[in-house]
Amino acid sequence: MNNQLNPQAIQQIKGVMNQIKMAQNPQYALTQMFLNNPQLSQVINFIKSSGGDMQQAFYNLAKQMNVNPQDVLNQLK
């Protein structure tokens, strides 16, 4: 598998994760992100196509992109 991950994308994901963690109401913050960004509707549709299981959707996408999902998870730690 391709282990070359985009460091800039990893940093952006970490930034979003930190914003959600710091929010007084993380669920509300996440919902607002999805409502305010039309591109995120694609994420919702992809999750729905994976039976609503976010973890399975992530692993499916990693497989499609020929990326080891554990490498991504390790970089997000």
PDB file of N, CA and C in Angstrom:
ATOM      1  N   MET A   1       0.828  -1.192   0.000  1.00  0.00           N
ATOM      2  CA  MET A   1       0.000   0.000   0.000  1.00  0.00           C
ATOM      3  C   MET A   1       0.869   1.250   0.000  1.00  0.00           C
ATOM      4  N   ASN A   2       0.303   2.320  -0.473  1.00  0.00           N
ATOM      5  CA  ASN A   2       0.991   3.594  -0.529  1.00  0.00           C
ATOM      6  C   ASN A   2       0.992   4.216   0.863  1.00  0.00           C
ATOM      7  N   ASN A   3       2.168   4.411   1.434  1.00  0.00           N
ATOM      8  CA  ASN A   3       2.278   4.967   2.771  1.00  0.00           C
ATOM      9  C   ASN A   3       2.547   6.465   2.754  1.00  0.00           C
ATOM     10  N   GLN A   4       2.537   7.079   1.588  1.00  0.00           N
ATOM     11  CA  GLN A   4       2.806   8.500   1.501  1.00  0.00           C
ATOM     12  C   GLN A   4       1.517   9.276   1.753  1.00  0.00           C
ATOM     13  N   LEU A   5       1.441   9.879   2.923  1.00  0.00           N
ATOM     14  CA  LEU A   5       0.270  10.646   3.291  1.00  0.00           C
ATOM     15  C   LEU A   5       0.592  12.123   3.189  1.00  0.00           C
ATOM     16  N   ASN A   6      -0.380  12.897   2.854  1.00  0.00           N
ATOM     17  CA  ASN A   6      -0.214  14.329   2.702  1.00  0.00           C
ATOM     18  C   ASN A   6      -0.106  14.975   4.085  1.00  0.00           C
ATOM     19  N   PRO A   7       1.086  15.448   4.477  1.00  0.00           N
ATOM     20  CA  PRO A   7       1.260  16.037   5.815  1.00  0.00           C
ATOM     21  C   PRO A   7       0.354  17.240   6.050  1.00  0.00           C
ATOM     22  N   GLN A   8       0.091  17.991   5.001  1.00  0.00           N
ATOM     23  CA  GLN A   8      -0.782  19.168   5.125  1.00  0.00           C
ATOM     24  C   GLN A   8      -2.210  18.722   5.475  1.00  0.00           C
ATOM     25  N   ALA A   9      -2.685  17.671   4.845  1.00  0.00           N
ATOM     26  CA  ALA A   9      -4.022  17.159   5.134  1.00  0.00           C
ATOM     27  C   ALA A   9      -4.099  16.630   6.555  1.00  0.00           C
ATOM     28  N   ILE A  10      -3.061  15.949   7.000  1.00  0.00           N
ATOM     29  CA  ILE A  10      -3.022  15.430   8.371  1.00  0.00           C
ATOM     30  C   ILE A  10      -3.114  16.595   9.360  1.00  0.00           C
ATOM     31  N   GLN A  11      -2.384  17.679   9.101  1.00  0.00           N
ATOM     32  CA  GLN A  11      -2.421  18.841   9.992  1.00  0.00           C
ATOM     33  C   GLN A  11      -3.806  19.485  10.009  1.00  0.00           C
ATOM     34  N   GLN A  12      -4.465  19.537   8.853  1.00  0.00           N
ATOM     35  CA  GLN A  12      -5.811  20.094   8.792  1.00  0.00           C
ATOM     36  C   GLN A  12      -6.776  19.244   9.596  1.00  0.00           C
ATOM     37  N   ILE A  13      -6.656  17.933   9.484  1.00  0.00           N
ATOM     38  CA  ILE A  13      -7.525  17.031  10.228  1.00  0.00           C
ATOM     39  C   ILE A  13      -7.287  17.196  11.727  1.00  0.00           C
ATOM     40  N   LYS A  14      -6.014  17.304  12.125  1.00  0.00           N
ATOM     41  CA  LYS A  14      -5.703  17.516  13.542  1.00  0.00           C
ATOM     42  C   LYS A  14      -6.314  18.822  14.040  1.00  0.00           C
ATOM     43  N   GLY A  15      -6.277  19.844  13.213  1.00  0.00           N
ATOM     44  CA  GLY A  15      -6.860  21.133  13.589  1.00  0.00           C
ATOM     45  C   GLY A  15      -8.356  21.027  13.822  1.00  0.00           C
ATOM     46  N   VAL A  16      -9.044  20.329  12.939  1.00  0.00           N
ATOM     47  CA  VAL A  16     -10.486  20.125  13.087  1.00  0.00           C
ATOM     48  C   VAL A  16     -10.771  19.306  14.338  1.00  0.00           C
ATOM     49  N   MET A  17      -9.977  18.262  14.565  1.00  0.00           N
ATOM     50  CA  MET A  17     -10.158  17.441  15.760  1.00  0.00           C
ATOM     51  C   MET A  17     -10.005  18.284  17.023  1.00  0.00           C
ATOM     52  N   ASN A  18      -9.026  19.170  17.042  1.00  0.00           N
ATOM     53  CA  ASN A  18      -8.803  20.028  18.208  1.00  0.00           C
ATOM     54  C   ASN A  18      -9.955  21.010  18.396  1.00  0.00           C
ATOM     55  N   GLN A  19     -10.485  21.559  17.299  1.00  0.00           N
ATOM     56  CA  GLN A  19     -11.620  22.472  17.399  1.00  0.00           C
ATOM     57  C   GLN A  19     -12.817  21.767  18.029  1.00  0.00           C
ATOM     58  N   ILE A  20     -13.060  20.555  17.616  1.00  0.00           N
ATOM     59  CA  ILE A  20     -14.194  19.803  18.147  1.00  0.00           C
ATOM     60  C   ILE A  20     -13.971  19.463  19.619  1.00  0.00           C
ATOM     61  N   LYS A  21     -12.733  19.059  19.954  1.00  0.00           N
ATOM     62  CA  LYS A  21     -12.423  18.727  21.347  1.00  0.00           C
ATOM     63  C   LYS A  21     -12.582  19.934  22.265  1.00  0.00           C
ATOM     64  N   MET A  22     -12.230  21.117  21.785  1.00  0.00           N
ATOM     65  CA  MET A  22     -12.255  22.322  22.604  1.00  0.00           C
ATOM     66  C   MET A  22     -13.652  22.941  22.710  1.00  0.00           C
ATOM     67  N   ALA A  23     -14.562  22.531  21.860  1.00  0.00           N
ATOM     68  CA  ALA A  23     -15.906  23.106  21.866  1.00  0.00           C
ATOM     69  C   ALA A  23     -16.653  22.702  23.134  1.00  0.00           C
ATOM     70  N   GLN A  24     -17.475  23.614  23.614  1.00  0.00           N
ATOM     71  CA  GLN A  24     -18.285  23.297  24.791  1.00  0.00           C
ATOM     72  C   GLN A  24     -19.265  22.173  24.482  1.00  0.00           C
ATOM     73  N   ASN A  25     -19.763  22.152  23.264  1.00  0.00           N
ATOM     74  CA  ASN A  25     -20.682  21.107  22.838  1.00  0.00           C
ATOM     75  C   ASN A  25     -20.117  20.506  21.548  1.00  0.00           C
ATOM     76  N   PRO A  26     -19.273  19.474  21.667  1.00  0.00           N
ATOM     77  CA  PRO A  26     -18.613  18.915  20.473  1.00  0.00           C
ATOM     78  C   PRO A  26     -19.588  18.423  19.400  1.00  0.00           C
ATOM     79  N   GLN A  27     -20.701  17.825  19.796  1.00  0.00           N
ATOM     80  CA  GLN A  27     -21.675  17.338  18.808  1.00  0.00           C
ATOM     81  C   GLN A  27     -22.249  18.497  18.004  1.00  0.00           C
ATOM     82  N   TYR A  28     -22.565  19.601  18.691  1.00  0.00           N
ATOM     83  CA  TYR A  28     -23.091  20.779  18.018  1.00  0.00           C
ATOM     84  C   TYR A  28     -22.045  21.359  17.059  1.00  0.00           C
ATOM     85  N   ALA A  29     -20.801  21.440  17.521  1.00  0.00           N
ATOM     86  CA  ALA A  29     -19.724  21.973  16.676  1.00  0.00           C
ATOM     87  C   ALA A  29     -19.566  21.139  15.407  1.00  0.00           C
ATOM     88  N   LEU A  30     -19.611  19.831  15.565  1.00  0.00           N
ATOM     89  CA  LEU A  30     -19.478  18.948  14.407  1.00  0.00           C
ATOM     90  C   LEU A  30     -20.662  19.121  13.450  1.00  0.00           C
ATOM     91  N   THR A  31     -21.857  19.201  14.018  1.00  0.00           N
ATOM     92  CA  THR A  31     -23.059  19.400  13.197  1.00  0.00           C
ATOM     93  C   THR A  31     -22.963  20.704  12.416  1.00  0.00           C
ATOM     94  N   GLN A  32     -22.508  21.775  13.073  1.00  0.00           N
ATOM     95  CA  GLN A  32     -22.384  23.063  12.395  1.00  0.00           C
ATOM     96  C   GLN A  32     -21.370  23.004  11.258  1.00  0.00           C
ATOM     97  N   MET A  33     -20.275  22.275  11.472  1.00  0.00           N
ATOM     98  CA  MET A  33     -19.284  22.123  10.402  1.00  0.00           C
ATOM     99  C   MET A  33     -19.916  21.470   9.174  1.00  0.00           C
ATOM    100  N   PHE A  34     -20.715  20.440   9.414  1.00  0.00           N
ATOM    101  CA  PHE A  34     -21.356  19.746   8.300  1.00  0.00           C
ATOM    102  C   PHE A  34     -22.391  20.626   7.612  1.00  0.00           C
ATOM    103  N   LEU A  35     -23.140  21.395   8.381  1.00  0.00           N
ATOM    104  CA  LEU A  35     -24.174  22.246   7.800  1.00  0.00           C
ATOM    105  C   LEU A  35     -23.592  23.424   7.032  1.00  0.00           C
ATOM    106  N   ASN A  36     -22.446  23.924   7.487  1.00  0.00           N
ATOM    107  CA  ASN A  36     -21.860  25.120   6.876  1.00  0.00           C
ATOM    108  C   ASN A  36     -20.906  24.831   5.728  1.00  0.00           C
ATOM    109  N   ASN A  37     -20.640  23.570   5.445  1.00  0.00           N
ATOM    110  CA  ASN A  37     -19.719  23.223   4.378  1.00  0.00           C
ATOM    111  C   ASN A  37     -20.390  22.199   3.457  1.00  0.00           C
ATOM    112  N   PRO A  38     -20.861  22.641   2.303  1.00  0.00           N
ATOM    113  CA  PRO A  38     -21.559  21.738   1.392  1.00  0.00           C
ATOM    114  C   PRO A  38     -20.729  20.520   0.971  1.00  0.00           C
ATOM    115  N   GLN A  39     -19.406  20.668   0.943  1.00  0.00           N
ATOM    116  CA  GLN A  39     -18.566  19.533   0.563  1.00  0.00           C
ATOM    117  C   GLN A  39     -18.677  18.404   1.578  1.00  0.00           C
ATOM    118  N   LEU A  40     -18.983  18.754   2.817  1.00  0.00           N
ATOM    119  CA  LEU A  40     -19.090  17.728   3.843  1.00  0.00           C
ATOM    120  C   LEU A  40     -20.330  16.858   3.651  1.00  0.00           C
ATOM    121  N   SER A  41     -21.284  17.331   2.843  1.00  0.00           N
ATOM    122  CA  SER A  41     -22.451  16.484   2.560  1.00  0.00           C
ATOM    123  C   SER A  41     -22.013  15.227   1.819  1.00  0.00           C
ATOM    124  N   GLN A  42     -20.928  15.328   1.065  1.00  0.00           N
ATOM    125  CA  GLN A  42     -20.372  14.149   0.394  1.00  0.00           C
ATOM    126  C   GLN A  42     -19.883  13.144   1.426  1.00  0.00           C
ATOM    127  N   VAL A  43     -19.328  13.640   2.523  1.00  0.00           N
ATOM    128  CA  VAL A  43     -18.861  12.765   3.597  1.00  0.00           C
ATOM    129  C   VAL A  43     -20.045  12.024   4.195  1.00  0.00           C
ATOM    130  N   ILE A  44     -21.121  12.765   4.470  1.00  0.00           N
ATOM    131  CA  ILE A  44     -22.323  12.150   5.038  1.00  0.00           C
ATOM    132  C   ILE A  44     -22.846  11.071   4.100  1.00  0.00           C
ATOM    133  N   ASN A  45     -22.907  11.363   2.818  1.00  0.00           N
ATOM    134  CA  ASN A  45     -23.398  10.373   1.848  1.00  0.00           C
ATOM    135  C   ASN A  45     -22.495   9.143   1.804  1.00  0.00           C
ATOM    136  N   PHE A  46     -21.189   9.356   1.898  1.00  0.00           N
ATOM    137  CA  PHE A  46     -20.258   8.225   1.879  1.00  0.00           C
ATOM    138  C   PHE A  46     -20.449   7.360   3.120  1.00  0.00           C
ATOM    139  N   ILE A  47     -20.642   8.004   4.281  1.00  0.00           N
ATOM    140  CA  ILE A  47     -20.883   7.253   5.513  1.00  0.00           C
ATOM    141  C   ILE A  47     -22.188   6.473   5.402  1.00  0.00           C
ATOM    142  N   LYS A  48     -23.210   7.113   4.871  1.00  0.00           N
ATOM    143  CA  LYS A  48     -24.498   6.428   4.692  1.00  0.00           C
ATOM    144  C   LYS A  48     -24.351   5.225   3.767  1.00  0.00           C
ATOM    145  N   SER A  49     -23.521   5.358   2.736  1.00  0.00           N
ATOM    146  CA  SER A  49     -23.328   4.248   1.796  1.00  0.00           C
ATOM    147  C   SER A  49     -22.551   3.096   2.427  1.00  0.00           C
ATOM    148  N   SER A  50     -21.928   3.366   3.576  1.00  0.00           N
ATOM    149  CA  SER A  50     -21.208   2.323   4.327  1.00  0.00           C
ATOM    150  C   SER A  50     -22.061   1.822   5.484  1.00  0.00           C
ATOM    151  N   GLY A  51     -23.364   1.961   5.343  1.00  0.00           N
ATOM    152  CA  GLY A  51     -24.280   1.480   6.371  1.00  0.00           C
ATOM    153  C   GLY A  51     -24.341   2.364   7.600  1.00  0.00           C
ATOM    154  N   GLY A  52     -23.857   3.598   7.491  1.00  0.00           N
ATOM    155  CA  GLY A  52     -23.890   4.532   8.609  1.00  0.00           C
ATOM    156  C   GLY A  52     -22.757   4.333   9.601  1.00  0.00           C
ATOM    157  N   ASP A  53     -21.854   3.440   9.293  1.00  0.00           N
ATOM    158  CA  ASP A  53     -20.729   3.130  10.182  1.00  0.00           C
ATOM    159  C   ASP A  53     -19.530   3.975   9.759  1.00  0.00           C
ATOM    160  N   MET A  54     -19.196   4.992  10.587  1.00  0.00           N
ATOM    161  CA  MET A  54     -18.102   5.900  10.232  1.00  0.00           C
ATOM    162  C   MET A  54     -16.766   5.184  10.122  1.00  0.00           C
ATOM    163  N   GLN A  55     -16.521   4.251  11.009  1.00  0.00           N
ATOM    164  CA  GLN A  55     -15.249   3.531  10.976  1.00  0.00           C
ATOM    165  C   GLN A  55     -15.140   2.712   9.692  1.00  0.00           C
ATOM    166  N   GLN A  56     -16.215   2.032   9.338  1.00  0.00           N
ATOM    167  CA  GLN A  56     -16.192   1.240   8.114  1.00  0.00           C
ATOM    168  C   GLN A  56     -16.024   2.135   6.894  1.00  0.00           C
ATOM    169  N   ALA A  57     -16.667   3.305   6.920  1.00  0.00           N
ATOM    170  CA  ALA A  57     -16.526   4.255   5.813  1.00  0.00           C
ATOM    171  C   ALA A  57     -15.068   4.686   5.668  1.00  0.00           C
ATOM    172  N   PHE A  58     -14.406   4.964   6.807  1.00  0.00           N
ATOM    173  CA  PHE A  58     -13.001   5.361   6.783  1.00  0.00           C
ATOM    174  C   PHE A  58     -12.142   4.252   6.178  1.00  0.00           C
ATOM    175  N   TYR A  59     -12.348   3.022   6.630  1.00  0.00           N
ATOM    176  CA  TYR A  59     -11.549   1.907   6.105  1.00  0.00           C
ATOM    177  C   TYR A  59     -11.836   1.670   4.622  1.00  0.00           C
ATOM    178  N   ASN A  60     -13.094   1.827   4.207  1.00  0.00           N
ATOM    179  CA  ASN A  60     -13.435   1.678   2.784  1.00  0.00           C
ATOM    180  C   ASN A  60     -12.724   2.729   1.941  1.00  0.00           C
ATOM    181  N   LEU A  61     -12.736   3.963   2.418  1.00  0.00           N
ATOM    182  CA  LEU A  61     -12.088   5.046   1.675  1.00  0.00           C
ATOM    183  C   LEU A  61     -10.580   4.836   1.608  1.00  0.00           C
ATOM    184  N   ALA A  62      -9.989   4.418   2.722  1.00  0.00           N
ATOM    185  CA  ALA A  62      -8.545   4.151   2.726  1.00  0.00           C
ATOM    186  C   ALA A  62      -8.202   3.074   1.706  1.00  0.00           C
ATOM    187  N   LYS A  63      -9.022   2.035   1.656  1.00  0.00           N
ATOM    188  CA  LYS A  63      -8.787   0.952   0.690  1.00  0.00           C
ATOM    189  C   LYS A  63      -8.882   1.481  -0.738  1.00  0.00           C
ATOM    190  N   GLN A  64      -9.920   2.309  -1.005  1.00  0.00           N
ATOM    191  CA  GLN A  64     -10.087   2.880  -2.345  1.00  0.00           C
ATOM    192  C   GLN A  64      -8.895   3.746  -2.733  1.00  0.00           C
ATOM    193  N   MET A  65      -8.313   4.422  -1.754  1.00  0.00           N
ATOM    194  CA  MET A  65      -7.192   5.321  -2.024  1.00  0.00           C
ATOM    195  C   MET A  65      -5.849   4.612  -1.927  1.00  0.00           C
ATOM    196  N   ASN A  66      -5.896   3.301  -1.677  1.00  0.00           N
ATOM    197  CA  ASN A  66      -4.681   2.491  -1.565  1.00  0.00           C
ATOM    198  C   ASN A  66      -3.752   3.019  -0.470  1.00  0.00           C
ATOM    199  N   VAL A  67      -4.362   3.344   0.688  1.00  0.00           N
ATOM    200  CA  VAL A  67      -3.632   3.865   1.842  1.00  0.00           C
ATOM    201  C   VAL A  67      -3.893   2.927   3.012  1.00  0.00           C
ATOM    202  N   ASN A  68      -2.861   2.669   3.789  1.00  0.00           N
ATOM    203  CA  ASN A  68      -3.014   1.852   4.981  1.00  0.00           C
ATOM    204  C   ASN A  68      -3.726   2.694   6.041  1.00  0.00           C
ATOM    205  N   PRO A  69      -4.938   2.321   6.462  1.00  0.00           N
ATOM    206  CA  PRO A  69      -5.671   3.143   7.425  1.00  0.00           C
ATOM    207  C   PRO A  69      -4.945   3.301   8.753  1.00  0.00           C
ATOM    208  N   GLN A  70      -4.193   2.305   9.159  1.00  0.00           N
ATOM    209  CA  GLN A  70      -3.468   2.404  10.423  1.00  0.00           C
ATOM    210  C   GLN A  70      -2.390   3.470  10.361  1.00  0.00           C
ATOM    211  N   ASP A  71      -1.784   3.665   9.189  1.00  0.00           N
ATOM    212  CA  ASP A  71      -0.793   4.726   9.031  1.00  0.00           C
ATOM    213  C   ASP A  71      -1.447   6.104   9.274  1.00  0.00           C
ATOM    214  N   VAL A  72      -2.655   6.283   8.750  1.00  0.00           N
ATOM    215  CA  VAL A  72      -3.376   7.544   8.954  1.00  0.00           C
ATOM    216  C   VAL A  72      -3.682   7.726  10.437  1.00  0.00           C
ATOM    217  N   LEU A  73      -4.223   6.692  11.054  1.00  0.00           N
ATOM    218  CA  LEU A  73      -4.562   6.770  12.477  1.00  0.00           C
ATOM    219  C   LEU A  73      -3.333   7.063  13.334  1.00  0.00           C
ATOM    220  N   ASN A  74      -2.222   6.456  13.001  1.00  0.00           N
ATOM    221  CA  ASN A  74      -0.995   6.698  13.755  1.00  0.00           C
ATOM    222  C   ASN A  74      -0.548   8.153  13.649  1.00  0.00           C
ATOM    223  N   GLN A  75      -0.717   8.736  12.472  1.00  0.00           N
ATOM    224  CA  GLN A  75      -0.298  10.130  12.280  1.00  0.00           C
ATOM    225  C   GLN A  75      -1.235  11.113  12.971  1.00  0.00           C
ATOM    226  N   LEU A  76      -2.468  10.683  13.239  1.00  0.00           N
ATOM    227  CA  LEU A  76      -3.429  11.565  13.905  1.00  0.00           C
ATOM    228  C   LEU A  76      -3.299  11.533  15.423  1.00  0.00           C
ATOM    229  N   LYS A  77      -2.483  10.645  15.925  1.00  0.00           N
ATOM    230  CA  LYS A  77      -2.300  10.547  17.386  1.00  0.00           C
ATOM    231  C   LYS A  77      -1.491  11.697  17.910  1.00  0.00           C
TER     232      LYS A  77
END
